[in-house]
Every structure is written in C-alpha cells, then in structure tokens.
Amino acid sequence: MNSLRFVDVFVLGICSYLAYEKGLELNAIGTNVDGEGIGISFIGLPVADRVPESNIPQYTKGFVVFSISLGIVSLFLLFLPFIKKLIPSIKNQ
C-alpha cells in the first residue's frame, strides 16, 4: 500500500471515530439542555448554532450514520489492493 493511501485511510478512520464519539456525546446529552437549544460543532467547525431539544436525536443518528459511512469508505480504501487482485478487470488508476 502506498503511503498516500495509508494517510487517506488513517484520516478517514480518525474522522469516523470522532463522528461516532460526537454521536455518543449527543446521545448522552439527550434532551436535557438548558435554554432554547445547544450549539453543535464537529472538529472545531460549527454544524448548527441552536439545535432545539426535539432535534438532538436526529443529529445523533446523523453523526452515527456519517461515521459508519466514513468507516465503510476507509475499509474499502484499505482493501482496494486485495479487491484489485481478486477482480483483474479493475484497471490500475
């Protein structure tokens, strides 16, 4: 595996883990918030300023689905050389 693919897999894996952790964090908060809502950020970037209590479970599910999607892409990139060996019709790019 070349070093660039390793970096891609590593970065996607870390982002997947962080998104899953954010989903777990929001799940732990649940609907127990003070005021009109909470601000949600991911890796220092704001996602939403004021999320109402009723929408927090939707953001939780969104982060978990996002983390699973990133994990699948990361695993696909990791096993791409093996897939290319199994299916010779895939051209090297």
C-alpha atoms as a PDB file:
ATOM      1  CA  MET A   1       0.000   0.000   0.000  1.00  0.00           C
ATOM      2  CA  ASN A   2       1.452   3.334  -0.940  1.00  0.00           C
ATOM      3  CA  SER A   3       1.896   5.981   1.722  1.00  0.00           C
ATOM      4  CA  LEU A   4      -0.754   8.314   0.318  1.00  0.00           C
ATOM      5  CA  ARG A   5      -3.461   5.641   0.573  1.00  0.00           C
ATOM      6  CA  PHE A   6      -2.331   4.873   4.133  1.00  0.00           C
ATOM      7  CA  VAL A   7      -2.723   8.544   5.071  1.00  0.00           C
ATOM      8  CA  ASP A   8      -6.185   8.622   3.469  1.00  0.00           C
ATOM      9  CA  VAL A   9      -7.293   5.520   5.357  1.00  0.00           C
ATOM     10  CA  PHE A  10      -5.856   6.857   8.611  1.00  0.00           C
ATOM     11  CA  VAL A  11      -7.510  10.284   8.297  1.00  0.00           C
ATOM     12  CA  LEU A  12     -10.873   8.789   7.322  1.00  0.00           C
ATOM     13  CA  GLY A  13     -10.635   6.323  10.197  1.00  0.00           C
ATOM     14  CA  ILE A  14      -9.922   9.105  12.699  1.00  0.00           C
ATOM     15  CA  CYS A  15     -12.801  11.221  11.337  1.00  0.00           C
ATOM     16  CA  SER A  16     -15.088   8.207  11.536  1.00  0.00           C
ATOM     17  CA  TYR A  17     -14.123   7.626  15.162  1.00  0.00           C
ATOM     18  CA  LEU A  18     -14.596  11.305  16.052  1.00  0.00           C
ATOM     19  CA  ALA A  19     -18.021  11.407  14.377  1.00  0.00           C
ATOM     20  CA  TYR A  20     -19.086   8.300  16.303  1.00  0.00           C
ATOM     21  CA  GLU A  21     -17.866   9.847  19.553  1.00  0.00           C
ATOM     22  CA  LYS A  22     -19.815  13.030  18.761  1.00  0.00           C
ATOM     23  CA  GLY A  23     -22.926  10.922  18.201  1.00  0.00           C
ATOM     24  CA  LEU A  24     -22.410   9.208  21.549  1.00  0.00           C
ATOM     25  CA  GLU A  25     -21.870  12.573  23.230  1.00  0.00           C
ATOM     26  CA  LEU A  26     -25.114  13.941  21.793  1.00  0.00           C
ATOM     27  CA  ASN A  27     -26.903  10.752  22.816  1.00  0.00           C
ATOM     28  CA  ALA A  28     -25.675  11.217  26.379  1.00  0.00           C
ATOM     29  CA  ILE A  29     -26.969  14.790  26.406  1.00  0.00           C
ATOM     30  CA  GLY A  30     -30.326  13.644  25.074  1.00  0.00           C
ATOM     31  CA  THR A  31     -32.960  16.293  25.518  1.00  0.00           C
ATOM     32  CA  ASN A  32     -31.585  17.546  28.823  1.00  0.00           C
ATOM     33  CA  VAL A  33     -30.421  21.027  27.768  1.00  0.00           C
ATOM     34  CA  ASP A  34     -30.799  24.461  29.306  1.00  0.00           C
ATOM     35  CA  GLY A  35     -32.278  27.306  27.330  1.00  0.00           C
ATOM     36  CA  GLU A  36     -33.567  27.146  23.789  1.00  0.00           C
ATOM     37  CA  GLY A  37     -31.062  24.660  22.394  1.00  0.00           C
ATOM     38  CA  ILE A  38     -27.404  23.770  22.009  1.00  0.00           C
ATOM     39  CA  GLY A  39     -24.703  24.582  19.502  1.00  0.00           C
ATOM     40  CA  ILE A  40     -23.140  21.617  17.736  1.00  0.00           C
ATOM     41  CA  SER A  41     -19.659  21.629  16.246  1.00  0.00           C
ATOM     42  CA  PHE A  42     -17.534  18.886  14.711  1.00  0.00           C
ATOM     43  CA  ILE A  43     -13.734  19.073  14.641  1.00  0.00           C
ATOM     44  CA  GLY A  44     -13.929  22.744  15.513  1.00  0.00           C
ATOM     45  CA  LEU A  45     -16.338  23.601  12.700  1.00  0.00           C
ATOM     46  CA  PRO A  46     -19.827  24.761  13.669  1.00  0.00           C
ATOM     47  CA  VAL A  47     -22.582  22.489  12.377  1.00  0.00           C
ATOM     48  CA  ALA A  48     -25.575  24.271  13.895  1.00  0.00           C
ATOM     49  CA  ASP A  49     -25.927  27.246  16.245  1.00  0.00           C
ATOM     50  CA  ARG A  50     -29.154  26.442  18.048  1.00  0.00           C
ATOM     51  CA  VAL A  51     -30.487  22.927  17.855  1.00  0.00           C
ATOM     52  CA  PRO A  52     -33.815  22.560  19.648  1.00  0.00           C
ATOM     53  CA  GLU A  53     -34.177  19.778  22.198  1.00  0.00           C
ATOM     54  CA  SER A  54     -36.501  17.823  19.942  1.00  0.00           C
ATOM     55  CA  ASN A  55     -33.923  17.677  17.107  1.00  0.00           C
ATOM     56  CA  ILE A  56     -30.948  16.407  19.119  1.00  0.00           C
ATOM     57  CA  PRO A  57     -31.773  12.698  18.483  1.00  0.00           C
ATOM     58  CA  GLN A  58     -31.793  13.396  14.726  1.00  0.00           C
ATOM     59  CA  TYR A  59     -28.304  14.895  14.928  1.00  0.00           C
ATOM     60  CA  THR A  60     -27.210  11.885  16.996  1.00  0.00           C
ATOM     61  CA  LYS A  61     -28.404   9.487  14.303  1.00  0.00           C
ATOM     62  CA  GLY A  62     -26.848  11.665  11.620  1.00  0.00           C
ATOM     63  CA  PHE A  63     -23.405  11.564  13.222  1.00  0.00           C
ATOM     64  CA  VAL A  64     -23.599   7.793  13.698  1.00  0.00           C
ATOM     65  CA  VAL A  65     -24.648   7.220  10.071  1.00  0.00           C
ATOM     66  CA  PHE A  66     -21.894   9.598   8.926  1.00  0.00           C
ATOM     67  CA  SER A  67     -19.302   7.699  10.979  1.00  0.00           C
ATOM     68  CA  ILE A  68     -20.437   4.341   9.578  1.00  0.00           C
ATOM     69  CA  SER A  69     -20.252   5.730   6.032  1.00  0.00           C
ATOM     70  CA  LEU A  70     -16.727   7.039   6.586  1.00  0.00           C
ATOM     71  CA  GLY A  71     -15.744   3.709   8.119  1.00  0.00           C
ATOM     72  CA  ILE A  72     -17.006   1.803   5.070  1.00  0.00           C
ATOM     73  CA  VAL A  73     -15.105   4.103   2.694  1.00  0.00           C
ATOM     74  CA  SER A  74     -11.991   3.750   4.831  1.00  0.00           C
ATOM     75  CA  LEU A  75     -12.220  -0.061   4.791  1.00  0.00           C
ATOM     76  CA  PHE A  76     -12.827  -0.041   1.042  1.00  0.00           C
ATOM     77  CA  LEU A  77      -9.661   2.013   0.510  1.00  0.00           C
ATOM     78  CA  LEU A  78      -7.746  -0.272   2.846  1.00  0.00           C
ATOM     79  CA  PHE A  79      -8.750  -3.439   0.996  1.00  0.00           C
ATOM     80  CA  LEU A  80      -8.683  -1.950  -2.519  1.00  0.00           C
ATOM     81  CA  PRO A  81      -5.363  -3.651  -3.463  1.00  0.00           C
ATOM     82  CA  PHE A  82      -6.806  -7.044  -2.475  1.00  0.00           C
ATOM     83  CA  ILE A  83     -10.000  -6.350  -4.401  1.00  0.00           C
ATOM     84  CA  LYS A  84      -7.954  -5.461  -7.479  1.00  0.00           C
ATOM     85  CA  LYS A  85      -6.128  -8.792  -7.222  1.00  0.00           C
ATOM     86  CA  LEU A  86      -9.389 -10.711  -6.920  1.00  0.00           C
ATOM     87  CA  ILE A  87     -11.040  -8.887  -9.815  1.00  0.00           C
ATOM     88  CA  PRO A  88      -8.476  -8.491 -12.589  1.00  0.00           C
ATOM     89  CA  SER A  89     -10.856  -6.479 -14.771  1.00  0.00           C
ATOM     90  CA  ILE A  90     -10.368  -3.425 -12.477  1.00  0.00           C
ATOM     91  CA  LYS A  91      -7.682  -1.302 -14.071  1.00  0.00           C
ATOM     92  CA  ASN A  92      -4.935   0.333 -12.047  1.00  0.00           C
ATOM     93  CA  GLN A  93      -5.561   4.012 -11.580  1.00  0.00           C
END
